[in-house]
């Protein structure tokens, strides 16, 4: 995992991170408010050797004092020091209880002892600290006194008397808030990493790259209105959805230059990823670019193209495959452009056998001679084998991946299925992408009346500007790359004559 992956995780889960950070901050604030203030008073003592002597004797005495200081520090917490302080102040505490409020420290290279006492009352804290210091002076004098009754060789003196503190030492508001915020932030990052690790759903281009090196030919943002109006012609000309399919059209033509495959099979791994709407709108976009296009609904289990285009599917692909009618009698024109649709026909009991038959191969070859492009809507790869069987008859395969619907393991299974039958995978289309966030495709428009309109498409990791000319008088909308390809392509052959089919089904 590199920095870019971590940043993408953070952008995906920023709401979780922000919520947990805010929760940690509120926890710190709650702890601060609920904690009663505590005051700490301090006093400092100096340890010295009694009497005078030569410099050498003084140095030896200083070394002796430093060696004894740590013993005096430990003595502060004993009853011999604390009990006299309790008696002097009249405290209702035991030495063990008072020792929890008293702390004695000293620096290793000095003869100074610092005594700190914490209490809810600043005055009581100062009085207790001073009483403990005075008791320590008396205790050391008693302990160090010689048995003969001579004076103690060590003397302690209070050099800094205890004073009542002005501000409380606890709670530390800044520390509590900082720790709460940092704890919430750390928890949010941990949850984000775990969520990204355990969640194997494909969300964007970076997730696709973990499973395949196939080119990503387009990204289609999720549009809540697409369920009611799925067709490209239902969207405004400058809408992000319309531009996404025009961009897919251009990228598909570019990816298909080397193979020159006329027939493209559009499929997905699982149902519900949007492969039928992608196939239909891609066919419409190609027809709008001036090509003659045939759209075949080869999903013989759950056909949807006829519903999107409001066409009759009583007679269609299955009718032609079983030999009950000629394909030219079954093609239905749609729209104002050169788009012809071969609906599924009646649903057969053996779809895989029909789609893998020689009749299907001959039918595709015949349509390739008559049309510039043939788009085939096939069933999903994982539930049934129809798409894998049919992919052997086409020039290339376009795999639709539904964002937040497909998992990495399912995508790998689909890619393996295509590789097993030696299919030509032209690329991947990301569908249902979020309109905002690290995995989104964002659009911005810069236009003025009477001038060309520039549409800029930006993905999470790339920026690929393209120019789309304003609509001409005949309604033909082509970008520069589309025009170059069309000018270089041969003129379309004769289109089948349209006759009403009234034969047997």
Protein backbone atom coordinates (compact mmCIF):
# COMPACT_ATOMS: atom_id res chain seq x y z
CA UNK A 1 0.00 0.00 0.00
CA UNK A 2 1.52 3.32 -1.06
CA UNK A 3 0.61 6.88 -0.17
CA UNK A 4 -1.80 7.27 -3.09
CA UNK A 5 -3.75 4.19 -1.97
CA UNK A 6 -3.99 5.54 1.57
CA UNK A 7 -5.16 8.94 0.33
CA UNK A 8 -7.80 7.28 -1.82
CA UNK A 9 -9.01 5.28 1.17
CA UNK A 10 -9.20 8.47 3.21
CA UNK A 11 -11.20 10.24 0.49
CA UNK A 12 -13.58 7.31 0.23
CA UNK A 13 -14.15 7.14 4.00
CA UNK A 14 -13.72 10.76 5.00
CA UNK A 15 -17.17 10.81 6.61
CA UNK A 16 -16.23 7.93 8.91
CA UNK A 17 -12.89 9.54 9.79
CA UNK A 18 -14.49 12.92 10.44
CA UNK A 19 -17.26 11.37 12.54
CA UNK A 20 -14.87 9.37 14.72
CA UNK A 21 -12.55 12.36 15.10
CA UNK A 22 -15.48 14.50 16.20
CA UNK A 23 -16.58 11.76 18.58
CA UNK A 24 -13.10 11.63 20.08
CA UNK A 25 -13.08 15.40 20.46
CA UNK A 26 -16.45 15.32 22.21
CA UNK A 27 -15.22 12.53 24.48
CA UNK A 28 -12.23 14.65 25.50
CA UNK A 29 -14.48 17.63 26.15
CA UNK A 30 -16.88 15.48 28.19
CA UNK A 31 -14.03 14.10 30.28
CA UNK A 32 -12.79 17.64 30.91
CA UNK A 33 -16.18 18.89 32.02
CA UNK A 34 -16.95 15.91 34.26
CA UNK A 35 -13.54 15.88 35.98
CA UNK A 36 -13.38 18.01 39.13
CA UNK A 37 -10.44 20.43 39.21
CA UNK A 38 -7.38 19.40 41.17
CA UNK A 39 -4.69 21.82 42.46
CA UNK A 40 -1.04 20.93 42.96
CA UNK A 41 1.26 22.75 45.38
CA UNK A 42 5.05 22.28 45.43
CA UNK A 43 7.84 22.83 47.90
CA UNK A 44 11.58 22.26 47.52
CA UNK A 45 14.22 21.18 50.03
CA UNK A 46 18.02 21.30 50.05
CA UNK A 47 20.14 18.51 51.54
CA UNK A 48 23.44 19.61 53.11
CA UNK A 49 26.23 18.23 55.30
CA UNK A 50 26.46 19.91 58.69
CA UNK A 51 29.72 21.56 59.76
CA UNK A 52 32.71 22.80 57.78
CA UNK A 53 36.07 21.42 56.72
CA UNK A 54 38.57 21.34 53.94
CA UNK A 55 37.63 21.40 50.29
CA UNK A 56 38.25 17.69 50.06
CA UNK A 57 35.94 17.05 53.01
CA UNK A 58 33.26 19.25 51.45
CA UNK A 59 33.47 17.32 48.17
CA UNK A 60 33.17 14.05 50.00
CA UNK A 61 30.21 15.45 51.94
CA UNK A 62 28.50 16.54 48.73
CA UNK A 63 28.93 13.06 47.25
CA UNK A 64 27.53 11.60 50.45
CA UNK A 65 24.52 13.92 50.27
CA UNK A 66 23.73 12.97 46.68
CA UNK A 67 23.91 9.30 47.63
CA UNK A 68 21.45 9.84 50.50
CA UNK A 69 18.96 12.00 48.58
CA UNK A 70 17.22 9.07 46.87
CA UNK A 71 16.72 7.45 50.26
CA UNK A 72 15.08 10.60 51.55
CA UNK A 73 12.80 10.69 48.51
CA UNK A 74 11.60 7.18 49.28
CA UNK A 75 11.11 8.13 52.92
CA UNK A 76 8.53 10.81 51.99
CA UNK A 77 5.88 8.18 51.31
CA UNK A 78 6.26 6.39 54.64
CA UNK A 79 4.28 6.81 57.82
CA UNK A 80 7.25 8.30 59.69
CA UNK A 81 6.89 11.40 57.49
CA UNK A 82 3.18 11.43 56.67
CA UNK A 83 1.69 10.70 60.07
CA UNK A 84 3.17 13.83 61.74
CA UNK A 85 1.84 15.91 58.82
CA UNK A 86 -1.62 14.38 59.26
CA UNK A 87 -1.55 15.08 62.97
CA UNK A 88 -0.36 18.66 62.44
CA UNK A 89 -3.18 19.44 60.01
CA UNK A 90 -5.82 17.31 61.64
CA UNK A 91 -6.57 15.43 58.44
CA UNK A 92 -9.04 12.58 58.42
CA UNK A 93 -6.72 10.43 56.31
CA UNK A 94 -4.44 7.47 56.79
CA UNK A 95 -0.78 7.60 55.71
CA UNK A 96 -1.62 5.23 52.86
CA UNK A 97 -4.40 7.53 51.61
CA UNK A 98 -2.22 10.61 51.86
CA UNK A 99 0.67 8.92 50.07
CA UNK A 100 -1.50 8.76 46.93
CA UNK A 101 -1.60 12.57 46.86
CA UNK A 102 2.08 13.14 47.65
CA UNK A 103 4.90 12.80 45.16
CA UNK A 104 8.60 13.34 45.86
CA UNK A 105 11.25 13.63 43.14
CA UNK A 106 14.89 14.65 42.81
CA UNK A 107 17.39 15.14 40.02
CA UNK A 108 20.19 12.54 40.03
CA UNK A 109 23.04 15.11 40.07
CA UNK A 110 21.61 17.49 42.64
CA UNK A 111 20.81 17.53 46.36
CA UNK A 112 17.37 19.04 45.85
CA UNK A 113 14.13 17.29 46.76
CA UNK A 114 10.81 18.45 45.33
CA UNK A 115 7.56 17.53 47.10
CA UNK A 116 4.22 17.92 45.28
CA UNK A 117 0.78 17.51 46.85
CA UNK A 118 -2.53 17.42 44.94
CA UNK A 119 -5.87 18.33 46.47
CA UNK A 120 -9.27 19.66 45.47
CA UNK A 121 -8.52 22.79 47.53
CA UNK A 122 -5.50 24.93 46.58
CA UNK A 123 -5.05 26.11 50.18
CA UNK A 124 -5.20 22.55 51.51
CA UNK A 125 -2.70 21.41 48.88
CA UNK A 126 -0.20 24.11 49.94
CA UNK A 127 -0.67 23.40 53.64
CA UNK A 128 -0.19 19.68 53.17
CA UNK A 129 2.93 20.14 51.05
CA UNK A 130 4.47 22.42 53.67
CA UNK A 131 3.55 20.03 56.50
CA UNK A 132 5.10 17.05 54.67
CA UNK A 133 8.28 19.05 54.00
CA UNK A 134 8.60 20.04 57.66
CA UNK A 135 7.94 16.45 58.73
CA UNK A 136 10.65 15.20 56.35
CA UNK A 137 13.17 17.62 57.88
CA UNK A 138 12.40 16.28 61.34
CA UNK A 139 12.38 12.64 60.19
CA UNK A 140 15.79 12.91 58.53
CA UNK A 141 17.22 14.66 61.56
CA UNK A 142 15.97 11.82 63.74
CA UNK A 143 17.10 9.04 61.43
CA UNK A 144 20.57 10.46 60.81
CA UNK A 145 21.24 11.39 64.44
CA UNK A 146 24.03 9.39 66.00
CA UNK A 147 23.28 6.99 68.87
CA UNK A 148 25.61 8.95 71.10
CA UNK A 149 23.25 11.88 70.90
CA UNK A 150 25.41 14.04 68.65
CA UNK A 151 23.79 16.24 66.05
CA UNK A 152 22.84 14.75 62.68
CA UNK A 153 25.57 15.13 60.03
CA UNK A 154 22.87 15.83 57.42
CA UNK A 155 20.48 18.74 57.43
CA UNK A 156 17.48 19.53 55.23
CA UNK A 157 16.29 23.06 54.63
CA UNK A 158 13.14 24.31 52.87
CA UNK A 159 14.33 26.65 50.14
CA UNK A 160 10.95 27.13 48.41
CA UNK A 161 7.89 27.20 50.66
CA UNK A 162 4.60 25.89 49.28
CA UNK A 163 2.09 28.43 48.03
CA UNK A 164 -1.55 27.99 47.04
CA UNK A 165 -1.76 27.47 43.22
CA UNK A 166 -3.88 29.88 41.24
CA UNK A 167 -4.97 27.53 38.43
CA UNK A 168 -5.82 23.84 38.61
CA UNK A 169 -3.30 21.27 37.43
CA UNK A 170 -6.08 18.94 36.28
CA UNK A 171 -8.03 18.47 34.16
CA UNK A 172 -5.80 19.62 31.29
CA UNK A 173 -8.36 20.82 28.76
CA UNK A 174 -5.94 21.14 25.85
CA UNK A 175 -4.39 17.75 26.50
CA UNK A 176 -7.77 16.02 26.81
CA UNK A 177 -9.11 17.61 23.64
CA UNK A 178 -5.92 16.84 21.72
CA UNK A 179 -5.83 13.24 22.88
CA UNK A 180 -9.53 12.80 22.10
CA UNK A 181 -9.10 14.21 18.61
CA UNK A 182 -5.99 12.16 17.88
CA UNK A 183 -7.60 9.00 19.26
CA UNK A 184 -10.69 9.49 17.11
CA UNK A 185 -8.54 10.21 14.06
CA UNK A 186 -6.41 7.11 14.65
CA UNK A 187 -9.52 4.98 15.13
CA UNK A 188 -11.01 6.40 11.94
CA UNK A 189 -7.86 5.53 9.98
CA UNK A 190 -7.83 2.01 11.39
CA UNK A 191 -11.49 1.51 10.50
CA UNK A 192 -10.82 2.91 7.01
CA UNK A 193 -7.95 0.53 6.36
CA UNK A 194 -9.91 -2.46 7.68
CA UNK A 195 -12.97 -1.47 5.67
CA UNK A 196 -10.93 -1.09 2.48
CA UNK A 197 -9.13 -4.38 3.12
CA UNK A 198 -12.24 -6.42 3.87
CA UNK A 199 -14.48 -4.73 1.26
CA UNK A 200 -13.59 -6.31 -2.09
CA UNK A 201 -16.10 -4.36 -4.13
CA UNK A 202 -14.82 -2.51 -7.17
CA UNK A 203 -15.32 1.20 -6.80
CA UNK A 204 -13.21 2.85 -9.46
CA UNK A 205 -10.29 2.71 -11.86
CA UNK A 206 -7.69 1.95 -9.19
CA UNK A 207 -9.62 -1.15 -8.14
CA UNK A 208 -9.85 -2.33 -11.75
CA UNK A 209 -6.07 -2.05 -12.09
CA UNK A 210 -5.65 -4.56 -9.28
CA UNK A 211 -7.35 -7.25 -11.36
CA UNK A 212 -6.55 -6.49 -15.00
CA UNK A 213 -4.39 -4.41 -17.29
CA UNK A 214 -7.16 -4.15 -19.88
CA UNK A 215 -7.77 -0.56 -21.02
CA UNK A 216 -10.61 1.32 -19.38
CA UNK A 217 -12.52 2.70 -22.33
CA UNK A 218 -15.04 4.79 -20.45
CA UNK A 219 -16.67 5.71 -17.19
CA UNK A 220 -20.40 6.32 -16.87
CA UNK A 221 -21.57 8.14 -13.78
CA UNK A 222 -24.59 6.94 -11.87
CA UNK A 223 -27.71 8.83 -12.86
CA UNK A 224 -30.82 8.28 -10.74
CA UNK A 225 -32.97 9.27 -13.72
CA UNK A 226 -31.42 6.56 -15.92
CA UNK A 227 -33.85 3.95 -14.61
CA UNK A 228 -36.75 5.94 -16.06
CA UNK A 229 -34.91 7.34 -19.09
CA UNK A 230 -32.11 4.90 -19.94
CA UNK A 231 -31.50 5.97 -23.53
CA UNK A 232 -28.86 8.39 -24.70
CA UNK A 233 -31.46 10.27 -26.68
CA UNK A 234 -33.42 10.98 -23.50
CA UNK A 235 -30.51 12.95 -22.00
CA UNK A 236 -29.57 16.50 -22.87
CA UNK A 237 -26.83 16.89 -25.46
CA UNK A 238 -24.43 18.45 -22.96
CA UNK A 239 -25.26 16.12 -20.09
CA UNK A 240 -22.47 14.09 -18.48
CA UNK A 241 -24.22 10.86 -19.42
CA UNK A 242 -24.38 11.77 -23.11
CA UNK A 243 -20.76 12.87 -23.19
CA UNK A 244 -19.69 9.66 -21.41
CA UNK A 245 -21.11 7.50 -24.21
CA UNK A 246 -19.58 9.72 -26.87
CA UNK A 247 -16.25 9.33 -25.10
CA UNK A 248 -16.78 5.56 -24.97
CA UNK A 249 -17.52 5.56 -28.69
CA UNK A 250 -14.28 7.39 -29.44
CA UNK A 251 -12.15 5.25 -27.14
CA UNK A 252 -13.67 2.04 -28.52
CA UNK A 253 -12.85 3.11 -32.06
CA UNK A 254 -9.31 3.92 -30.99
CA UNK A 255 -8.87 0.58 -29.17
CA UNK A 256 -10.32 -1.26 -32.18
CA UNK A 257 -8.02 0.27 -34.79
CA UNK A 258 -5.55 -2.62 -34.75
CA UNK A 259 -8.12 -5.46 -34.66
CA UNK A 260 -10.62 -3.74 -36.96
CA UNK A 261 -13.35 -5.83 -35.39
CA UNK A 262 -16.78 -4.87 -36.64
CA UNK A 263 -18.71 -6.95 -34.13
CA UNK A 264 -18.38 -6.02 -30.45
CA UNK A 265 -19.99 -8.14 -27.76
CA UNK A 266 -21.07 -6.23 -24.65
CA UNK A 267 -21.36 -8.29 -21.48
CA UNK A 268 -20.85 -8.11 -17.73
CA UNK A 269 -19.97 -10.45 -14.89
CA UNK A 270 -23.30 -10.37 -13.06
CA UNK A 271 -26.83 -9.13 -13.78
CA UNK A 272 -27.63 -5.54 -12.90
CA UNK A 273 -24.33 -3.95 -13.92
CA UNK A 274 -25.85 -2.07 -16.87
CA UNK A 275 -24.57 -4.03 -19.86
CA UNK A 276 -27.86 -3.79 -21.82
CA UNK A 277 -28.14 -0.02 -21.43
CA UNK A 278 -24.45 0.32 -22.30
CA UNK A 279 -24.84 -1.77 -25.45
CA UNK A 280 -27.97 0.12 -26.52
CA UNK A 281 -26.53 3.58 -25.92
CA UNK A 282 -23.22 2.65 -27.54
CA UNK A 283 -25.11 1.59 -30.66
CA UNK A 284 -27.04 4.88 -30.63
CA UNK A 285 -23.82 6.87 -30.23
CA UNK A 286 -22.18 5.05 -33.14
CA UNK A 287 -25.24 5.70 -35.29
CA UNK A 288 -25.19 9.39 -34.35
CA UNK A 289 -21.59 9.47 -35.60
CA UNK A 290 -22.79 8.53 -39.09
CA UNK A 291 -22.17 4.78 -39.03
CA UNK A 292 -24.65 2.11 -40.03
CA UNK A 293 -25.13 0.05 -36.89
CA UNK A 294 -26.88 -3.21 -36.08
CA UNK A 295 -27.80 -3.88 -32.49
CA UNK A 296 -28.43 -7.54 -31.63
CA UNK A 297 -30.18 -8.57 -28.44
CA UNK A 298 -28.46 -11.90 -27.78
CA UNK A 299 -29.55 -12.09 -24.16
CA UNK A 300 -31.95 -14.96 -24.73
CA UNK A 301 -32.71 -15.31 -21.03
CA UNK A 302 -33.64 -11.79 -19.95
CA UNK A 303 -33.90 -9.64 -23.11
CA UNK A 304 -34.14 -5.91 -22.39
CA UNK A 305 -33.26 -4.10 -25.64
CA UNK A 306 -36.80 -4.28 -27.00
CA UNK A 307 -38.12 -2.68 -23.80
CA UNK A 308 -35.61 0.16 -23.93
CA UNK A 309 -36.32 0.87 -27.61
CA UNK A 310 -40.06 0.04 -27.50
CA UNK A 311 -39.76 -2.62 -30.20
CA UNK A 312 -41.55 -5.91 -30.80
CA UNK A 313 -39.53 -9.01 -29.95
CA UNK A 314 -42.03 -11.63 -31.10
CA UNK A 315 -39.70 -12.35 -34.02
CA UNK A 316 -35.98 -11.75 -33.90
CA UNK A 317 -32.66 -13.51 -33.38
CA UNK A 318 -34.06 -16.90 -32.42
CA UNK A 319 -36.40 -16.76 -35.40
CA UNK A 320 -33.44 -16.31 -37.74
CA UNK A 321 -31.29 -18.95 -36.02
CA UNK A 322 -33.91 -21.69 -36.35
CA UNK A 323 -34.42 -20.75 -40.01
CA UNK A 324 -38.00 -19.55 -39.84
CA UNK A 325 -37.20 -16.21 -41.49
CA UNK A 326 -34.41 -14.28 -43.16
CA UNK A 327 -32.53 -11.82 -41.02
CA UNK A 328 -33.26 -8.94 -43.39
CA UNK A 329 -36.95 -9.40 -42.67
CA UNK A 330 -36.35 -9.23 -38.92
CA UNK A 331 -34.24 -6.08 -38.63
CA UNK A 332 -36.20 -3.14 -37.26
CA UNK A 333 -35.05 0.44 -37.92
CA UNK A 334 -34.95 2.77 -34.96
CA UNK A 335 -34.57 6.51 -34.72
CA UNK A 336 -33.49 9.01 -37.35
CA UNK A 337 -29.99 7.56 -37.79
CA UNK A 338 -28.86 4.35 -39.45
CA UNK A 339 -29.55 2.10 -36.47
CA UNK A 340 -31.22 -1.26 -36.99
CA UNK A 341 -32.18 -3.63 -34.20
CA UNK A 342 -32.46 -7.40 -34.18
CA UNK A 343 -34.47 -8.20 -31.07
CA UNK A 344 -34.14 -11.48 -29.21
CA UNK A 345 -37.26 -13.19 -30.50
CA UNK A 346 -38.96 -15.81 -28.42
CA UNK A 347 -36.91 -17.18 -25.51
CA UNK A 348 -35.68 -20.70 -26.39
CA UNK A 349 -35.03 -23.60 -23.99
CA UNK A 350 -31.42 -23.93 -25.23
CA UNK A 351 -29.85 -20.44 -25.52
CA UNK A 352 -26.22 -21.62 -25.26
CA UNK A 353 -26.60 -24.11 -28.12
CA UNK A 354 -28.23 -21.52 -30.38
CA UNK A 355 -25.64 -18.83 -29.66
CA UNK A 356 -22.73 -21.24 -30.17
CA UNK A 357 -24.11 -22.72 -33.38
CA UNK A 358 -22.70 -22.25 -36.85
CA UNK A 359 -25.90 -20.42 -37.80
CA UNK A 360 -25.00 -17.70 -35.30
CA UNK A 361 -21.52 -17.39 -36.75
CA UNK A 362 -22.88 -17.13 -40.30
CA UNK A 363 -25.47 -14.56 -39.21
CA UNK A 364 -22.79 -12.33 -37.64
CA UNK A 365 -20.56 -12.63 -40.68
CA UNK A 366 -23.44 -11.60 -42.93
CA UNK A 367 -24.29 -8.60 -40.78
CA UNK A 368 -20.63 -7.53 -40.75
CA UNK A 369 -20.77 -7.31 -44.55
CA UNK A 370 -23.78 -5.00 -44.46
CA UNK A 371 -23.07 -2.75 -41.45
CA UNK A 372 -20.18 -0.64 -40.26
CA UNK A 373 -20.61 -1.84 -36.68
CA UNK A 374 -22.48 -4.68 -35.02
CA UNK A 375 -23.15 -4.43 -31.27
CA UNK A 376 -24.23 -7.60 -29.48
CA UNK A 377 -25.88 -7.50 -26.06
CA UNK A 378 -24.96 -10.80 -24.39
CA UNK A 379 -25.94 -12.37 -21.04
CA UNK A 380 -23.63 -12.03 -18.02
CA UNK A 381 -20.56 -14.25 -17.91
CA UNK A 382 -20.79 -15.86 -14.50
CA UNK A 383 -24.39 -17.13 -14.24
CA UNK A 384 -24.40 -18.77 -17.72
CA UNK A 385 -21.94 -19.67 -20.46
CA UNK A 386 -23.81 -17.89 -23.27
CA UNK A 387 -21.47 -14.90 -23.44
CA UNK A 388 -18.29 -17.02 -23.38
CA UNK A 389 -19.64 -19.21 -26.19
CA UNK A 390 -20.80 -16.24 -28.23
CA UNK A 391 -17.50 -14.38 -27.78
CA UNK A 392 -15.84 -16.83 -30.15
CA UNK A 393 -17.95 -15.50 -33.03
CA UNK A 394 -17.25 -11.78 -32.53
CA UNK A 395 -14.26 -9.57 -33.12
CA UNK A 396 -13.99 -8.17 -29.60
CA UNK A 397 -15.56 -8.09 -26.17
CA UNK A 398 -16.47 -5.07 -24.06
CA UNK A 399 -16.81 -5.89 -20.35
CA UNK A 400 -19.12 -3.67 -18.29
CA UNK A 401 -18.21 -3.40 -14.60
CA UNK A 402 -20.79 -2.01 -12.20
CA UNK A 403 -19.22 0.16 -9.52
CA UNK A 404 -20.07 -0.92 -5.94
CA UNK A 405 -21.82 -4.03 -7.32
CA UNK A 406 -19.01 -6.27 -8.54
CA UNK A 407 -16.25 -7.78 -6.39
CA UNK A 408 -12.66 -8.46 -7.33
CA UNK A 409 -13.07 -12.24 -7.23
CA UNK A 410 -16.05 -12.07 -9.61
CA UNK A 411 -14.16 -9.86 -12.04
CA UNK A 412 -11.21 -12.28 -12.05
CA UNK A 413 -13.57 -15.17 -12.74
CA UNK A 414 -15.04 -13.29 -15.71
CA UNK A 415 -11.62 -12.45 -17.10
CA UNK A 416 -10.54 -16.07 -16.70
CA UNK A 417 -13.68 -17.24 -18.51
CA UNK A 418 -12.92 -14.96 -21.47
CA UNK A 419 -9.26 -15.95 -21.49
CA UNK A 420 -10.16 -19.65 -21.43
CA UNK A 421 -12.04 -19.34 -24.75
CA UNK A 422 -9.35 -17.02 -26.15
CA UNK A 423 -11.66 -14.00 -26.46
CA UNK A 424 -10.39 -10.62 -27.60
CA UNK A 425 -11.05 -8.27 -24.68
CA UNK A 426 -11.08 -4.76 -26.14
CA UNK A 427 -11.50 -3.04 -22.77
CA UNK A 428 -13.59 -2.35 -19.71
CA UNK A 429 -16.39 0.14 -19.12
CA UNK A 430 -16.95 1.37 -15.58
CA UNK A 431 -20.66 1.91 -14.99
CA UNK A 432 -22.62 3.41 -12.08
CA UNK A 433 -19.67 5.48 -10.94
CA UNK A 434 -20.27 8.05 -8.19
CA UNK A 435 -20.64 11.61 -9.41
CA UNK A 436 -18.33 12.91 -6.67
CA UNK A 437 -15.36 11.58 -4.78
CA UNK A 438 -12.07 9.86 -5.64
CA UNK A 439 -13.69 7.36 -8.03
CA UNK A 440 -15.92 9.79 -9.91
CA UNK A 441 -15.93 11.20 -13.38
CA UNK A 442 -16.57 14.96 -13.19
CA UNK A 443 -17.65 17.21 -16.02
CA UNK A 444 -17.44 20.93 -16.52
CA UNK A 445 -18.64 22.92 -19.48
CA UNK A 446 -17.37 26.13 -20.99
CA UNK A 447 -19.63 27.41 -23.73
CA UNK A 448 -20.82 30.61 -25.30
CA UNK A 449 -23.66 31.06 -27.73
CA UNK A 450 -22.64 30.73 -31.36
CA UNK A 451 -19.25 29.12 -30.60
CA UNK A 452 -17.95 25.60 -30.27
CA UNK A 453 -18.46 23.96 -26.92
CA UNK A 454 -15.61 22.38 -25.00
CA UNK A 455 -16.34 19.43 -22.75
CA UNK A 456 -13.68 18.28 -20.33
CA UNK A 457 -13.74 14.80 -18.86
CA UNK A 458 -11.66 14.13 -15.77
CA UNK A 459 -11.35 10.83 -13.97
CA UNK A 460 -9.84 10.23 -10.54
CA UNK A 461 -6.36 9.72 -11.96
CA UNK A 462 -6.37 11.18 -15.50
CA UNK A 463 -7.48 14.29 -17.31
CA UNK A 464 -8.36 13.73 -20.94
CA UNK A 465 -9.80 16.82 -22.64
CA UNK A 466 -11.79 16.38 -25.81
CA UNK A 467 -13.58 18.76 -28.12
CA UNK A 468 -17.12 18.19 -29.27
CA UNK A 469 -18.42 20.36 -32.06
CA UNK A 470 -21.75 22.09 -31.80
CA UNK A 471 -24.64 20.32 -33.54
CA UNK A 472 -24.72 20.86 -37.28
CA UNK A 473 -27.79 21.37 -39.36
CA UNK A 474 -28.27 17.67 -40.06
CA UNK A 475 -27.92 16.73 -36.38
CA UNK A 476 -24.61 14.88 -36.88
CA UNK A 477 -22.35 15.28 -33.84
CA UNK A 478 -18.74 14.16 -34.33
CA UNK A 479 -15.54 14.94 -32.52
CA UNK A 480 -12.25 15.28 -34.38
CA UNK A 481 -11.17 11.70 -33.82
CA UNK A 482 -14.52 10.29 -34.98
CA UNK A 483 -14.33 12.33 -38.18
CA UNK A 484 -10.83 11.02 -38.95
CA UNK A 485 -11.93 7.42 -38.50
CA UNK A 486 -15.07 7.83 -40.56
CA UNK A 487 -13.28 9.57 -43.40
CA UNK A 488 -10.78 6.70 -43.53
CA UNK A 489 -13.45 3.96 -43.41
CA UNK A 490 -15.12 2.62 -46.55
CA UNK A 491 -18.61 3.67 -47.50
CA UNK A 492 -21.34 1.53 -45.92
CA UNK A 493 -22.66 -1.30 -47.99
CA UNK A 494 -26.28 -1.75 -49.03
CA UNK A 495 -28.67 -2.03 -46.12
CA UNK A 496 -31.14 -4.87 -46.12
CA UNK A 497 -34.54 -3.95 -47.59
CA UNK A 498 -37.12 -3.64 -44.89
CA UNK A 499 -40.06 -5.94 -45.27
CA UNK A 500 -42.69 -6.80 -42.70
CA UNK A 501 -42.25 -10.31 -41.37
CA UNK A 502 -45.48 -12.30 -41.26
CA UNK A 503 -44.11 -15.83 -41.41
CA UNK A 504 -44.18 -18.54 -38.76
CA UNK A 505 -42.62 -17.95 -35.35
